[in-house]
N, C-alpha and C. Protein backbone atom coordinates (compact mmCIF):
# COMPACT_ATOMS: atom_id res chain seq x y z
N MET A 1 25.10 -36.46 14.37
CA MET A 1 24.41 -35.18 14.54
C MET A 1 25.21 -34.24 15.45
N MET A 2 26.49 -34.40 15.48
CA MET A 2 27.34 -33.58 16.32
C MET A 2 26.84 -33.68 17.76
N ASP A 3 26.69 -32.54 18.43
CA ASP A 3 26.27 -32.56 19.83
C ASP A 3 24.78 -32.28 19.99
N PHE A 4 24.02 -32.28 18.91
CA PHE A 4 22.60 -31.97 18.98
C PHE A 4 21.80 -33.23 19.24
N THR A 5 21.00 -33.21 20.28
CA THR A 5 20.06 -34.29 20.52
C THR A 5 18.74 -33.95 19.84
N LEU A 6 17.85 -34.92 19.79
CA LEU A 6 16.53 -34.67 19.20
C LEU A 6 15.81 -33.56 19.95
N TRP A 7 15.96 -33.54 21.26
CA TRP A 7 15.31 -32.49 22.05
C TRP A 7 15.89 -31.12 21.73
N ASP A 8 17.21 -31.05 21.52
CA ASP A 8 17.84 -29.77 21.15
C ASP A 8 17.24 -29.24 19.85
N ILE A 9 17.06 -30.13 18.89
CA ILE A 9 16.48 -29.73 17.61
C ILE A 9 15.06 -29.23 17.79
N LEU A 10 14.25 -29.99 18.50
CA LEU A 10 12.86 -29.61 18.71
C LEU A 10 12.75 -28.31 19.51
N ARG A 11 13.59 -28.17 20.51
CA ARG A 11 13.54 -26.96 21.35
C ARG A 11 13.85 -25.72 20.52
N ASN A 12 14.86 -25.79 19.69
CA ASN A 12 15.22 -24.65 18.84
C ASN A 12 14.15 -24.37 17.80
N LEU A 13 13.56 -25.42 17.25
CA LEU A 13 12.49 -25.22 16.27
C LEU A 13 11.26 -24.59 16.91
N LEU A 14 10.99 -24.93 18.15
CA LEU A 14 9.86 -24.33 18.86
C LEU A 14 10.08 -22.84 19.08
N ILE A 15 11.33 -22.46 19.34
CA ILE A 15 11.64 -21.03 19.46
C ILE A 15 11.41 -20.32 18.13
N GLY A 16 11.88 -20.95 17.04
CA GLY A 16 11.62 -20.38 15.71
C GLY A 16 10.15 -20.31 15.40
N LEU A 17 9.40 -21.31 15.83
CA LEU A 17 7.95 -21.33 15.60
C LEU A 17 7.28 -20.17 16.33
N GLN A 18 7.76 -19.85 17.52
CA GLN A 18 7.21 -18.72 18.27
C GLN A 18 7.40 -17.41 17.52
N TRP A 19 8.57 -17.25 16.91
CA TRP A 19 8.83 -16.03 16.14
C TRP A 19 7.98 -15.98 14.87
N THR A 20 7.72 -17.14 14.28
CA THR A 20 6.83 -17.20 13.12
C THR A 20 5.42 -16.75 13.51
N VAL A 21 4.94 -17.24 14.64
CA VAL A 21 3.61 -16.85 15.12
C VAL A 21 3.58 -15.35 15.43
N ALA A 22 4.62 -14.85 16.10
CA ALA A 22 4.66 -13.43 16.45
C ALA A 22 4.65 -12.55 15.20
N LEU A 23 5.47 -12.91 14.21
CA LEU A 23 5.52 -12.13 12.98
C LEU A 23 4.19 -12.19 12.24
N SER A 24 3.56 -13.35 12.22
CA SER A 24 2.26 -13.50 11.55
C SER A 24 1.21 -12.62 12.20
N LEU A 25 1.20 -12.59 13.53
CA LEU A 25 0.21 -11.78 14.25
C LEU A 25 0.43 -10.29 14.00
N VAL A 26 1.69 -9.86 14.06
CA VAL A 26 2.00 -8.44 13.81
C VAL A 26 1.58 -8.05 12.39
N ALA A 27 1.93 -8.89 11.42
CA ALA A 27 1.61 -8.59 10.02
C ALA A 27 0.10 -8.59 9.79
N PHE A 28 -0.60 -9.53 10.40
CA PHE A 28 -2.03 -9.64 10.16
C PHE A 28 -2.80 -8.52 10.85
N ILE A 29 -2.44 -8.20 12.08
CA ILE A 29 -3.12 -7.11 12.79
C ILE A 29 -2.78 -5.76 12.16
N GLY A 30 -1.49 -5.52 11.94
CA GLY A 30 -1.09 -4.27 11.31
C GLY A 30 -1.63 -4.14 9.90
N GLY A 31 -1.56 -5.24 9.15
CA GLY A 31 -2.10 -5.24 7.79
C GLY A 31 -3.59 -5.04 7.77
N GLY A 32 -4.27 -5.56 8.79
CA GLY A 32 -5.72 -5.38 8.87
C GLY A 32 -6.09 -3.92 9.10
N LEU A 33 -5.36 -3.25 9.97
CA LEU A 33 -5.64 -1.84 10.26
C LEU A 33 -5.37 -0.97 9.03
N ILE A 34 -4.22 -1.18 8.40
CA ILE A 34 -3.90 -0.41 7.19
C ILE A 34 -4.85 -0.80 6.06
N GLY A 35 -5.15 -2.09 5.95
CA GLY A 35 -6.05 -2.56 4.90
C GLY A 35 -7.44 -1.97 5.02
N LEU A 36 -7.91 -1.77 6.26
CA LEU A 36 -9.22 -1.16 6.46
C LEU A 36 -9.23 0.27 5.94
N LEU A 37 -8.13 1.00 6.20
CA LEU A 37 -8.01 2.36 5.69
C LEU A 37 -7.95 2.38 4.17
N VAL A 38 -7.15 1.49 3.60
CA VAL A 38 -7.03 1.42 2.14
C VAL A 38 -8.35 1.02 1.50
N MET A 39 -9.07 0.10 2.14
CA MET A 39 -10.38 -0.31 1.62
C MET A 39 -11.35 0.87 1.62
N GLY A 40 -11.31 1.69 2.69
CA GLY A 40 -12.15 2.87 2.73
C GLY A 40 -11.83 3.84 1.61
N MET A 41 -10.55 4.01 1.33
CA MET A 41 -10.14 4.88 0.23
C MET A 41 -10.55 4.28 -1.12
N ARG A 42 -10.42 2.96 -1.23
CA ARG A 42 -10.73 2.28 -2.50
C ARG A 42 -12.20 2.36 -2.85
N THR A 43 -13.07 2.42 -1.84
CA THR A 43 -14.51 2.50 -2.08
C THR A 43 -15.03 3.93 -1.99
N SER A 44 -14.12 4.89 -1.85
CA SER A 44 -14.52 6.29 -1.74
C SER A 44 -15.10 6.80 -3.06
N GLU A 45 -15.98 7.77 -2.95
CA GLU A 45 -16.54 8.40 -4.15
C GLU A 45 -15.58 9.41 -4.74
N LYS A 46 -14.57 9.82 -3.98
CA LYS A 46 -13.60 10.80 -4.46
C LYS A 46 -12.52 10.11 -5.28
N THR A 47 -12.19 10.72 -6.39
CA THR A 47 -11.25 10.10 -7.34
C THR A 47 -9.84 9.96 -6.76
N GLY A 48 -9.36 10.99 -6.07
CA GLY A 48 -7.99 10.98 -5.54
C GLY A 48 -7.71 9.80 -4.62
N PRO A 49 -8.47 9.66 -3.53
CA PRO A 49 -8.24 8.52 -2.64
C PRO A 49 -8.45 7.17 -3.32
N ARG A 50 -9.44 7.11 -4.21
CA ARG A 50 -9.74 5.84 -4.88
C ARG A 50 -8.58 5.40 -5.77
N VAL A 51 -8.03 6.34 -6.54
CA VAL A 51 -6.92 6.02 -7.44
C VAL A 51 -5.66 5.69 -6.64
N THR A 52 -5.42 6.45 -5.57
CA THR A 52 -4.25 6.20 -4.72
C THR A 52 -4.30 4.80 -4.13
N ALA A 53 -5.47 4.42 -3.62
CA ALA A 53 -5.63 3.08 -3.04
C ALA A 53 -5.46 2.00 -4.09
N LYS A 54 -5.98 2.25 -5.29
CA LYS A 54 -5.85 1.26 -6.36
C LYS A 54 -4.39 1.04 -6.73
N LEU A 55 -3.63 2.14 -6.83
CA LEU A 55 -2.21 2.03 -7.15
C LEU A 55 -1.44 1.30 -6.04
N TYR A 56 -1.81 1.59 -4.80
CA TYR A 56 -1.18 0.93 -3.65
C TYR A 56 -1.40 -0.57 -3.72
N ILE A 57 -2.62 -0.96 -3.96
CA ILE A 57 -2.96 -2.39 -4.03
C ILE A 57 -2.24 -3.07 -5.19
N GLU A 58 -2.26 -2.43 -6.35
CA GLU A 58 -1.62 -3.03 -7.52
C GLU A 58 -0.10 -3.13 -7.35
N LEU A 59 0.48 -2.16 -6.64
CA LEU A 59 1.93 -2.19 -6.41
C LEU A 59 2.32 -3.41 -5.60
N PHE A 60 1.60 -3.66 -4.52
CA PHE A 60 1.98 -4.77 -3.64
C PHE A 60 1.49 -6.12 -4.14
N GLN A 61 0.42 -6.12 -4.91
CA GLN A 61 -0.03 -7.38 -5.49
C GLN A 61 0.75 -7.74 -6.75
N GLY A 62 1.33 -6.74 -7.39
CA GLY A 62 2.02 -6.96 -8.66
C GLY A 62 3.51 -7.20 -8.53
N THR A 63 4.03 -7.21 -7.31
CA THR A 63 5.46 -7.46 -7.09
C THR A 63 5.63 -8.59 -6.08
N PRO A 64 6.68 -9.40 -6.21
CA PRO A 64 6.89 -10.51 -5.27
C PRO A 64 7.17 -10.01 -3.86
N LEU A 65 6.71 -10.76 -2.89
CA LEU A 65 6.97 -10.41 -1.49
C LEU A 65 8.47 -10.33 -1.22
N LEU A 66 9.24 -11.20 -1.86
CA LEU A 66 10.69 -11.20 -1.64
C LEU A 66 11.31 -9.87 -2.07
N MET A 67 10.87 -9.32 -3.21
CA MET A 67 11.39 -8.04 -3.68
C MET A 67 10.99 -6.91 -2.73
N GLN A 68 9.77 -6.97 -2.22
CA GLN A 68 9.32 -5.97 -1.25
C GLN A 68 10.17 -6.02 0.01
N LEU A 69 10.50 -7.23 0.42
CA LEU A 69 11.33 -7.41 1.61
C LEU A 69 12.73 -6.84 1.39
N PHE A 70 13.30 -7.09 0.23
CA PHE A 70 14.63 -6.55 -0.09
C PHE A 70 14.60 -5.02 -0.13
N LEU A 71 13.55 -4.45 -0.74
CA LEU A 71 13.46 -3.00 -0.86
C LEU A 71 13.36 -2.34 0.51
N VAL A 72 12.61 -2.95 1.41
CA VAL A 72 12.49 -2.39 2.77
C VAL A 72 13.82 -2.53 3.51
N PHE A 73 14.40 -3.72 3.47
CA PHE A 73 15.61 -4.00 4.26
C PHE A 73 16.80 -3.19 3.77
N PHE A 74 17.02 -3.17 2.45
CA PHE A 74 18.18 -2.47 1.91
C PHE A 74 17.87 -1.00 1.62
N GLY A 75 16.60 -0.69 1.32
CA GLY A 75 16.23 0.69 1.02
C GLY A 75 16.37 1.60 2.23
N VAL A 76 15.93 1.12 3.38
CA VAL A 76 16.07 1.91 4.61
C VAL A 76 17.54 2.14 4.94
N ALA A 77 18.36 1.13 4.70
CA ALA A 77 19.80 1.26 4.97
C ALA A 77 20.44 2.32 4.07
N LEU A 78 19.95 2.45 2.84
CA LEU A 78 20.48 3.46 1.92
C LEU A 78 20.19 4.87 2.40
N MET A 79 19.15 5.01 3.22
CA MET A 79 18.80 6.33 3.76
C MET A 79 19.58 6.64 5.03
N GLY A 80 20.54 5.80 5.36
CA GLY A 80 21.39 6.05 6.51
C GLY A 80 20.81 5.59 7.83
N MET A 81 19.78 4.79 7.79
CA MET A 81 19.15 4.29 9.02
C MET A 81 19.34 2.79 9.11
N ASN A 82 19.58 2.33 10.31
CA ASN A 82 19.70 0.89 10.54
C ASN A 82 18.33 0.29 10.81
N ILE A 83 18.07 -0.84 10.24
CA ILE A 83 16.81 -1.53 10.48
C ILE A 83 17.11 -3.01 10.72
N SER A 84 16.54 -3.54 11.76
CA SER A 84 16.78 -4.94 12.11
C SER A 84 16.00 -5.86 11.17
N PRO A 85 16.43 -7.10 11.03
CA PRO A 85 15.66 -8.05 10.22
C PRO A 85 14.22 -8.19 10.71
N TRP A 86 14.02 -8.14 12.04
CA TRP A 86 12.66 -8.23 12.58
C TRP A 86 11.79 -7.07 12.11
N ALA A 87 12.31 -5.84 12.22
CA ALA A 87 11.55 -4.66 11.82
C ALA A 87 11.27 -4.67 10.31
N ALA A 88 12.27 -5.03 9.52
CA ALA A 88 12.09 -5.09 8.07
C ALA A 88 11.07 -6.14 7.69
N ALA A 89 11.15 -7.29 8.33
CA ALA A 89 10.20 -8.38 8.05
C ALA A 89 8.79 -7.98 8.42
N ALA A 90 8.63 -7.37 9.60
CA ALA A 90 7.31 -6.96 10.06
C ALA A 90 6.71 -5.90 9.14
N LEU A 91 7.52 -4.91 8.75
CA LEU A 91 7.02 -3.84 7.89
C LEU A 91 6.64 -4.35 6.51
N ALA A 92 7.52 -5.13 5.89
CA ALA A 92 7.25 -5.63 4.54
C ALA A 92 6.02 -6.54 4.52
N LEU A 93 5.93 -7.43 5.49
CA LEU A 93 4.80 -8.36 5.51
C LEU A 93 3.50 -7.66 5.87
N THR A 94 3.59 -6.62 6.69
CA THR A 94 2.39 -5.84 7.03
C THR A 94 1.84 -5.12 5.81
N LEU A 95 2.71 -4.48 5.04
CA LEU A 95 2.27 -3.77 3.84
C LEU A 95 1.71 -4.75 2.81
N PHE A 96 2.38 -5.88 2.65
CA PHE A 96 1.91 -6.91 1.73
C PHE A 96 0.52 -7.40 2.13
N THR A 97 0.35 -7.67 3.41
CA THR A 97 -0.94 -8.17 3.92
C THR A 97 -2.04 -7.13 3.75
N SER A 98 -1.71 -5.87 4.01
CA SER A 98 -2.72 -4.81 3.94
C SER A 98 -3.31 -4.69 2.54
N ALA A 99 -2.48 -4.85 1.51
CA ALA A 99 -2.97 -4.73 0.14
C ALA A 99 -3.97 -5.83 -0.19
N TYR A 100 -3.67 -7.04 0.21
CA TYR A 100 -4.57 -8.16 -0.09
C TYR A 100 -5.84 -8.10 0.73
N LEU A 101 -5.72 -7.74 2.01
CA LEU A 101 -6.93 -7.64 2.83
C LEU A 101 -7.83 -6.51 2.34
N ALA A 102 -7.23 -5.40 1.91
CA ALA A 102 -8.02 -4.29 1.39
C ALA A 102 -8.84 -4.73 0.18
N GLU A 103 -8.23 -5.51 -0.69
CA GLU A 103 -8.94 -5.97 -1.89
C GLU A 103 -10.00 -7.01 -1.55
N ILE A 104 -9.71 -7.89 -0.61
CA ILE A 104 -10.71 -8.87 -0.17
C ILE A 104 -11.92 -8.15 0.40
N TRP A 105 -11.66 -7.20 1.28
CA TRP A 105 -12.75 -6.49 1.94
C TRP A 105 -13.51 -5.58 0.98
N ARG A 106 -12.79 -5.01 0.01
CA ARG A 106 -13.48 -4.19 -1.00
C ARG A 106 -14.51 -5.03 -1.75
N GLY A 107 -14.11 -6.23 -2.14
CA GLY A 107 -15.04 -7.11 -2.84
C GLY A 107 -16.25 -7.44 -1.99
N CYS A 108 -16.03 -7.62 -0.69
CA CYS A 108 -17.15 -7.93 0.21
C CYS A 108 -18.09 -6.74 0.35
N VAL A 109 -17.51 -5.55 0.45
CA VAL A 109 -18.34 -4.33 0.57
C VAL A 109 -19.14 -4.12 -0.70
N GLU A 110 -18.51 -4.31 -1.85
CA GLU A 110 -19.20 -4.07 -3.12
C GLU A 110 -20.21 -5.16 -3.45
N SER A 111 -20.15 -6.28 -2.72
CA SER A 111 -21.15 -7.33 -2.94
C SER A 111 -22.49 -7.00 -2.28
N ILE A 112 -22.49 -6.02 -1.40
CA ILE A 112 -23.74 -5.58 -0.77
C ILE A 112 -24.55 -4.81 -1.81
N SER A 113 -25.81 -5.11 -1.91
CA SER A 113 -26.65 -4.51 -2.96
C SER A 113 -26.73 -2.99 -2.83
N LYS A 114 -26.90 -2.33 -3.96
CA LYS A 114 -27.01 -0.88 -3.97
C LYS A 114 -28.24 -0.40 -3.20
N GLY A 115 -29.23 -1.29 -3.11
CA GLY A 115 -30.43 -0.92 -2.37
C GLY A 115 -30.14 -0.59 -0.92
N GLN A 116 -29.12 -1.24 -0.34
CA GLN A 116 -28.74 -0.95 1.04
C GLN A 116 -28.17 0.46 1.17
N TRP A 117 -27.37 0.85 0.18
CA TRP A 117 -26.85 2.21 0.18
C TRP A 117 -27.97 3.23 0.02
N GLU A 118 -28.88 2.94 -0.91
CA GLU A 118 -29.97 3.88 -1.17
C GLU A 118 -30.90 4.00 0.02
N ALA A 119 -31.17 2.87 0.68
CA ALA A 119 -32.05 2.90 1.85
C ALA A 119 -31.43 3.70 2.99
N SER A 120 -30.14 3.49 3.21
CA SER A 120 -29.48 4.24 4.29
C SER A 120 -29.33 5.71 3.94
N ALA A 121 -29.14 6.01 2.65
CA ALA A 121 -29.06 7.41 2.23
C ALA A 121 -30.39 8.12 2.44
N SER A 122 -31.48 7.39 2.26
CA SER A 122 -32.81 7.98 2.46
C SER A 122 -33.06 8.34 3.92
N LEU A 123 -32.26 7.76 4.82
CA LEU A 123 -32.37 8.08 6.25
C LEU A 123 -31.43 9.22 6.64
N ALA A 124 -30.90 9.90 5.63
CA ALA A 124 -30.02 11.06 5.82
C ALA A 124 -28.70 10.69 6.52
N MET A 125 -28.25 9.47 6.30
CA MET A 125 -26.96 9.06 6.85
C MET A 125 -25.82 9.61 5.99
N THR A 126 -24.73 9.96 6.64
CA THR A 126 -23.54 10.36 5.90
C THR A 126 -22.88 9.10 5.32
N PRO A 127 -22.00 9.24 4.32
CA PRO A 127 -21.31 8.06 3.79
C PRO A 127 -20.59 7.25 4.86
N PHE A 128 -20.00 7.94 5.84
CA PHE A 128 -19.32 7.23 6.93
C PHE A 128 -20.31 6.43 7.76
N GLU A 129 -21.45 7.04 8.06
CA GLU A 129 -22.48 6.33 8.85
C GLU A 129 -23.06 5.17 8.06
N GLN A 130 -23.24 5.35 6.77
CA GLN A 130 -23.72 4.24 5.93
C GLN A 130 -22.76 3.05 6.01
N MET A 131 -21.48 3.35 5.87
CA MET A 131 -20.48 2.29 5.89
C MET A 131 -20.42 1.62 7.26
N ARG A 132 -20.45 2.43 8.31
CA ARG A 132 -20.27 1.89 9.66
C ARG A 132 -21.47 1.09 10.15
N TYR A 133 -22.66 1.63 9.94
CA TYR A 133 -23.84 1.02 10.56
C TYR A 133 -24.63 0.07 9.65
N VAL A 134 -24.46 0.21 8.35
CA VAL A 134 -25.28 -0.59 7.43
C VAL A 134 -24.44 -1.57 6.61
N ILE A 135 -23.41 -1.06 5.94
CA ILE A 135 -22.67 -1.87 4.98
C ILE A 135 -21.67 -2.81 5.67
N LEU A 136 -20.82 -2.26 6.54
CA LEU A 136 -19.77 -3.08 7.16
C LEU A 136 -20.30 -4.27 7.97
N PRO A 137 -21.37 -4.10 8.76
CA PRO A 137 -21.88 -5.28 9.49
C PRO A 137 -22.26 -6.44 8.56
N GLN A 138 -22.80 -6.12 7.38
CA GLN A 138 -23.16 -7.17 6.43
C GLN A 138 -21.93 -7.71 5.70
N ALA A 139 -21.03 -6.80 5.34
CA ALA A 139 -19.82 -7.22 4.62
C ALA A 139 -18.91 -8.05 5.51
N LEU A 140 -18.91 -7.76 6.80
CA LEU A 140 -18.05 -8.49 7.73
C LEU A 140 -18.39 -9.97 7.74
N ARG A 141 -19.66 -10.26 7.68
CA ARG A 141 -20.11 -11.66 7.69
C ARG A 141 -19.58 -12.40 6.46
N ILE A 142 -19.57 -11.72 5.33
CA ILE A 142 -19.06 -12.33 4.09
C ILE A 142 -17.54 -12.44 4.12
N ALA A 143 -16.90 -11.48 4.78
CA ALA A 143 -15.44 -11.37 4.72
C ALA A 143 -14.71 -12.34 5.64
N VAL A 144 -15.41 -12.88 6.63
CA VAL A 144 -14.72 -13.70 7.64
C VAL A 144 -13.98 -14.88 7.02
N ALA A 145 -14.67 -15.65 6.18
CA ALA A 145 -14.06 -16.86 5.61
C ALA A 145 -12.83 -16.55 4.75
N PRO A 146 -12.91 -15.63 3.76
CA PRO A 146 -11.70 -15.36 2.97
C PRO A 146 -10.59 -14.70 3.78
N THR A 147 -10.95 -13.95 4.81
CA THR A 147 -9.93 -13.32 5.64
C THR A 147 -9.16 -14.38 6.43
N VAL A 148 -9.88 -15.31 7.02
CA VAL A 148 -9.22 -16.40 7.74
C VAL A 148 -8.39 -17.25 6.77
N GLY A 149 -8.93 -17.47 5.57
CA GLY A 149 -8.19 -18.23 4.57
C GLY A 149 -6.89 -17.55 4.18
N PHE A 150 -6.92 -16.22 4.06
CA PHE A 150 -5.70 -15.50 3.68
C PHE A 150 -4.66 -15.53 4.79
N SER A 151 -5.10 -15.69 6.03
CA SER A 151 -4.14 -15.75 7.13
C SER A 151 -3.16 -16.91 6.95
N VAL A 152 -3.60 -17.96 6.25
CA VAL A 152 -2.71 -19.08 5.95
C VAL A 152 -1.55 -18.60 5.07
N GLN A 153 -1.86 -17.76 4.09
CA GLN A 153 -0.82 -17.23 3.21
C GLN A 153 0.15 -16.33 3.97
N VAL A 154 -0.36 -15.62 4.96
CA VAL A 154 0.51 -14.77 5.78
C VAL A 154 1.50 -15.62 6.56
N VAL A 155 1.00 -16.69 7.17
CA VAL A 155 1.88 -17.58 7.94
C VAL A 155 2.96 -18.17 7.04
N LYS A 156 2.56 -18.67 5.88
CA LYS A 156 3.55 -19.27 4.97
C LYS A 156 4.50 -18.21 4.40
N GLY A 157 4.00 -16.99 4.26
CA GLY A 157 4.84 -15.91 3.74
C GLY A 157 5.97 -15.53 4.67
N THR A 158 5.83 -15.84 5.95
CA THR A 158 6.91 -15.50 6.89
C THR A 158 8.20 -16.25 6.56
N ALA A 159 8.09 -17.37 5.87
CA ALA A 159 9.29 -18.16 5.53
C ALA A 159 10.26 -17.35 4.67
N VAL A 160 9.73 -16.43 3.86
CA VAL A 160 10.58 -15.64 2.98
C VAL A 160 11.53 -14.75 3.77
N THR A 161 11.11 -14.36 4.98
CA THR A 161 11.93 -13.43 5.76
C THR A 161 13.24 -14.05 6.23
N SER A 162 13.37 -15.35 6.09
CA SER A 162 14.64 -16.00 6.45
C SER A 162 15.78 -15.52 5.55
N ILE A 163 15.43 -15.02 4.36
CA ILE A 163 16.45 -14.56 3.40
C ILE A 163 17.26 -13.39 3.96
N ILE A 164 16.62 -12.53 4.76
CA ILE A 164 17.34 -11.36 5.30
C ILE A 164 17.88 -11.64 6.70
N GLY A 165 17.81 -12.89 7.13
CA GLY A 165 18.43 -13.26 8.40
C GLY A 165 17.50 -13.25 9.59
N PHE A 166 16.19 -13.07 9.37
CA PHE A 166 15.27 -13.14 10.50
C PHE A 166 15.11 -14.60 10.91
N THR A 167 15.34 -14.89 12.18
CA THR A 167 15.39 -16.27 12.63
C THR A 167 14.01 -16.77 13.03
N GLU A 168 13.19 -17.03 12.04
CA GLU A 168 11.89 -17.66 12.30
C GLU A 168 12.04 -19.16 12.07
N LEU A 169 10.96 -19.85 11.80
CA LEU A 169 11.00 -21.31 11.74
C LEU A 169 11.89 -21.82 10.61
N THR A 170 11.76 -21.27 9.42
CA THR A 170 12.56 -21.74 8.28
C THR A 170 14.05 -21.47 8.48
N LYS A 171 14.38 -20.27 8.94
CA LYS A 171 15.79 -19.92 9.18
C LYS A 171 16.39 -20.81 10.26
N THR A 172 15.62 -21.05 11.32
CA THR A 172 16.08 -21.94 12.38
C THR A 172 16.34 -23.34 11.83
N GLY A 173 15.41 -23.82 11.00
CA GLY A 173 15.58 -25.13 10.39
C GLY A 173 16.82 -25.19 9.51
N SER A 174 17.07 -24.13 8.76
CA SER A 174 18.25 -24.09 7.89
C SER A 174 19.54 -24.18 8.70
N MET A 175 19.60 -23.42 9.79
CA MET A 175 20.81 -23.45 10.62
C MET A 175 21.00 -24.81 11.28
N LEU A 176 19.90 -25.40 11.73
CA LEU A 176 20.00 -26.72 12.36
C LEU A 176 20.40 -27.80 11.35
N ALA A 177 19.87 -27.69 10.12
CA ALA A 177 20.22 -28.67 9.09
C ALA A 177 21.71 -28.61 8.77
N ASN A 178 22.26 -27.39 8.74
CA ASN A 178 23.69 -27.24 8.48
C ASN A 178 24.54 -27.76 9.64
N ALA A 179 24.02 -27.60 10.85
CA ALA A 179 24.80 -28.00 12.03
C ALA A 179 24.73 -29.49 12.31
N THR A 180 23.62 -30.12 11.96
CA THR A 180 23.42 -31.53 12.30
C THR A 180 23.66 -32.48 11.14
N PHE A 181 23.69 -31.94 9.91
CA PHE A 181 23.81 -32.77 8.70
C PHE A 181 22.64 -33.76 8.59
N GLU A 182 21.48 -33.34 9.10
CA GLU A 182 20.26 -34.14 9.01
C GLU A 182 19.15 -33.29 8.40
N PRO A 183 19.32 -32.84 7.14
CA PRO A 183 18.33 -31.92 6.56
C PRO A 183 16.95 -32.52 6.41
N PHE A 184 16.86 -33.81 6.06
CA PHE A 184 15.55 -34.41 5.85
C PHE A 184 14.73 -34.39 7.14
N MET A 185 15.34 -34.78 8.23
CA MET A 185 14.63 -34.81 9.51
C MET A 185 14.27 -33.39 9.97
N VAL A 186 15.23 -32.48 9.87
CA VAL A 186 14.99 -31.12 10.34
C VAL A 186 13.89 -30.44 9.54
N TYR A 187 14.00 -30.52 8.20
CA TYR A 187 12.98 -29.86 7.38
C TYR A 187 11.64 -30.57 7.47
N GLY A 188 11.66 -31.85 7.81
CA GLY A 188 10.41 -32.55 8.07
C GLY A 188 9.70 -31.96 9.27
N PHE A 189 10.46 -31.65 10.32
CA PHE A 189 9.88 -31.01 11.50
C PHE A 189 9.42 -29.59 11.18
N VAL A 190 10.19 -28.89 10.34
CA VAL A 190 9.79 -27.53 9.93
C VAL A 190 8.45 -27.57 9.19
N ALA A 191 8.34 -28.51 8.25
CA ALA A 191 7.08 -28.65 7.51
C ALA A 191 5.93 -28.99 8.46
N LEU A 192 6.20 -29.84 9.43
CA LEU A 192 5.17 -30.19 10.41
C LEU A 192 4.73 -28.97 11.21
N GLY A 193 5.69 -28.10 11.54
CA GLY A 193 5.36 -26.88 12.27
C GLY A 193 4.41 -25.99 11.48
N TYR A 194 4.71 -25.79 10.19
CA TYR A 194 3.81 -24.98 9.36
C TYR A 194 2.44 -25.64 9.22
N PHE A 195 2.44 -26.96 9.10
CA PHE A 195 1.17 -27.68 8.97
C PHE A 195 0.31 -27.50 10.23
N ILE A 196 0.94 -27.57 11.39
CA ILE A 196 0.21 -27.40 12.65
C ILE A 196 -0.40 -26.00 12.74
N LEU A 197 0.29 -25.01 12.19
CA LEU A 197 -0.23 -23.65 12.21
C LEU A 197 -1.31 -23.43 11.16
N CYS A 198 -1.09 -23.96 9.96
CA CYS A 198 -1.95 -23.61 8.82
C CYS A 198 -3.19 -24.49 8.67
N TYR A 199 -3.07 -25.76 8.99
CA TYR A 199 -4.20 -26.66 8.76
C TYR A 199 -5.44 -26.27 9.55
N PRO A 200 -5.34 -25.95 10.85
CA PRO A 200 -6.55 -25.50 11.56
C PRO A 200 -7.17 -24.24 10.96
N LEU A 201 -6.33 -23.33 10.48
CA LEU A 201 -6.86 -22.12 9.84
C LEU A 201 -7.61 -22.46 8.56
N SER A 202 -7.07 -23.39 7.77
CA SER A 202 -7.74 -23.81 6.54
C SER A 202 -9.07 -24.48 6.85
N LEU A 203 -9.09 -25.33 7.87
CA LEU A 203 -10.35 -25.98 8.27
C LEU A 203 -11.37 -24.95 8.72
N CYS A 204 -10.91 -23.98 9.48
CA CYS A 204 -11.80 -22.93 9.97
C CYS A 204 -12.39 -22.13 8.81
N ALA A 205 -11.55 -21.78 7.83
CA ALA A 205 -12.03 -21.02 6.68
C ALA A 205 -13.07 -21.80 5.89
N ARG A 206 -12.83 -23.11 5.67
CA ARG A 206 -13.79 -23.93 4.93
C ARG A 206 -15.10 -24.07 5.71
N HIS A 207 -15.00 -24.23 7.02
CA HIS A 207 -16.20 -24.35 7.85
C HIS A 207 -17.03 -23.07 7.79
N LEU A 208 -16.37 -21.93 7.89
CA LEU A 208 -17.08 -20.65 7.84
C LEU A 208 -17.72 -20.44 6.48
N GLU A 209 -17.02 -20.85 5.43
CA GLU A 209 -17.57 -20.70 4.08
C GLU A 209 -18.81 -21.57 3.89
N ARG A 210 -18.77 -22.79 4.40
CA ARG A 210 -19.95 -23.67 4.31
C ARG A 210 -21.13 -23.09 5.09
N ARG A 211 -20.85 -22.55 6.25
CA ARG A 211 -21.92 -21.96 7.06
C ARG A 211 -22.53 -20.77 6.35
N LEU A 212 -21.68 -19.98 5.70
CA LEU A 212 -22.18 -18.81 4.98
C LEU A 212 -23.09 -19.22 3.84
N HIS A 213 -22.67 -20.24 3.06
CA HIS A 213 -23.49 -20.69 1.94
C HIS A 213 -24.78 -21.34 2.42
N ALA A 214 -24.71 -22.04 3.55
CA ALA A 214 -25.89 -22.72 4.07
C ALA A 214 -26.94 -21.74 4.56
N SER A 215 -26.48 -20.60 5.10
CA SER A 215 -27.43 -19.62 5.63
C SER A 215 -27.80 -18.56 4.63
N ALA A 216 -27.17 -18.60 3.43
CA ALA A 216 -27.45 -17.58 2.41
C ALA A 216 -28.82 -17.81 1.79
C-alpha cells in the first residue's frame, strides 16, 4: 500500500465524507428554498407562472444529473467566467434538488381537499393567506416523509460530482484506490460511508410514513 497506513486511508476518507455532507446540506437547503418558490408557481392560478414552473421541473427531471453538472461546469466557462468544482457541484445539485422537491410538495398541496380551499376562501383570505395558514400546515405533515426520503437521493447524487474533480467521498476514494492499489478495501470504506449517511435517513423516512398512516 505504498506509504499509506489504514489510518491515512480512513482520515482522508473522513475528510471526503465531510465534503459530501456539506454539499448535501447546501443542495438540500438551497433546493428547498428554490423548490418552495417553484411549488408556489406550479400551484398558481395564473397560467404564466404555472407553465414556467412545469417546464422547469420537466427540464431537470427529464435530463440526467450528470448532464446538468457538465452544462453548469463547462457552460459557465464558455461565458468567460471561472467556476470552481465546488460551486458547479453546489449549483447543479441545488437546481436538481429544487425540481424534485417542488414536485413532491406540489403533490402534497394538491392532496388537501378542495373543501379546505373553499372554507378558507369563505373567510375572505387571499390565496397567499390560504396557502400559508390553511394548506401548507396540513401539506407539511404529509410532505415530511417523502422529503426525508428524497434526501437519501441527494446524498447519493453527490457522488456524480467527482466527475468534474470535486473531492468528495467518491473522488477521495478513487484517488486513494489509485495510490494504494487496494481498490476493494478503499471502495468498501466508501460504500460504508454512504451507508452510514443514508441508512438512518431511510429509517427515519419509513418511521415517519408509518406514523402518518397510523394517524390518518
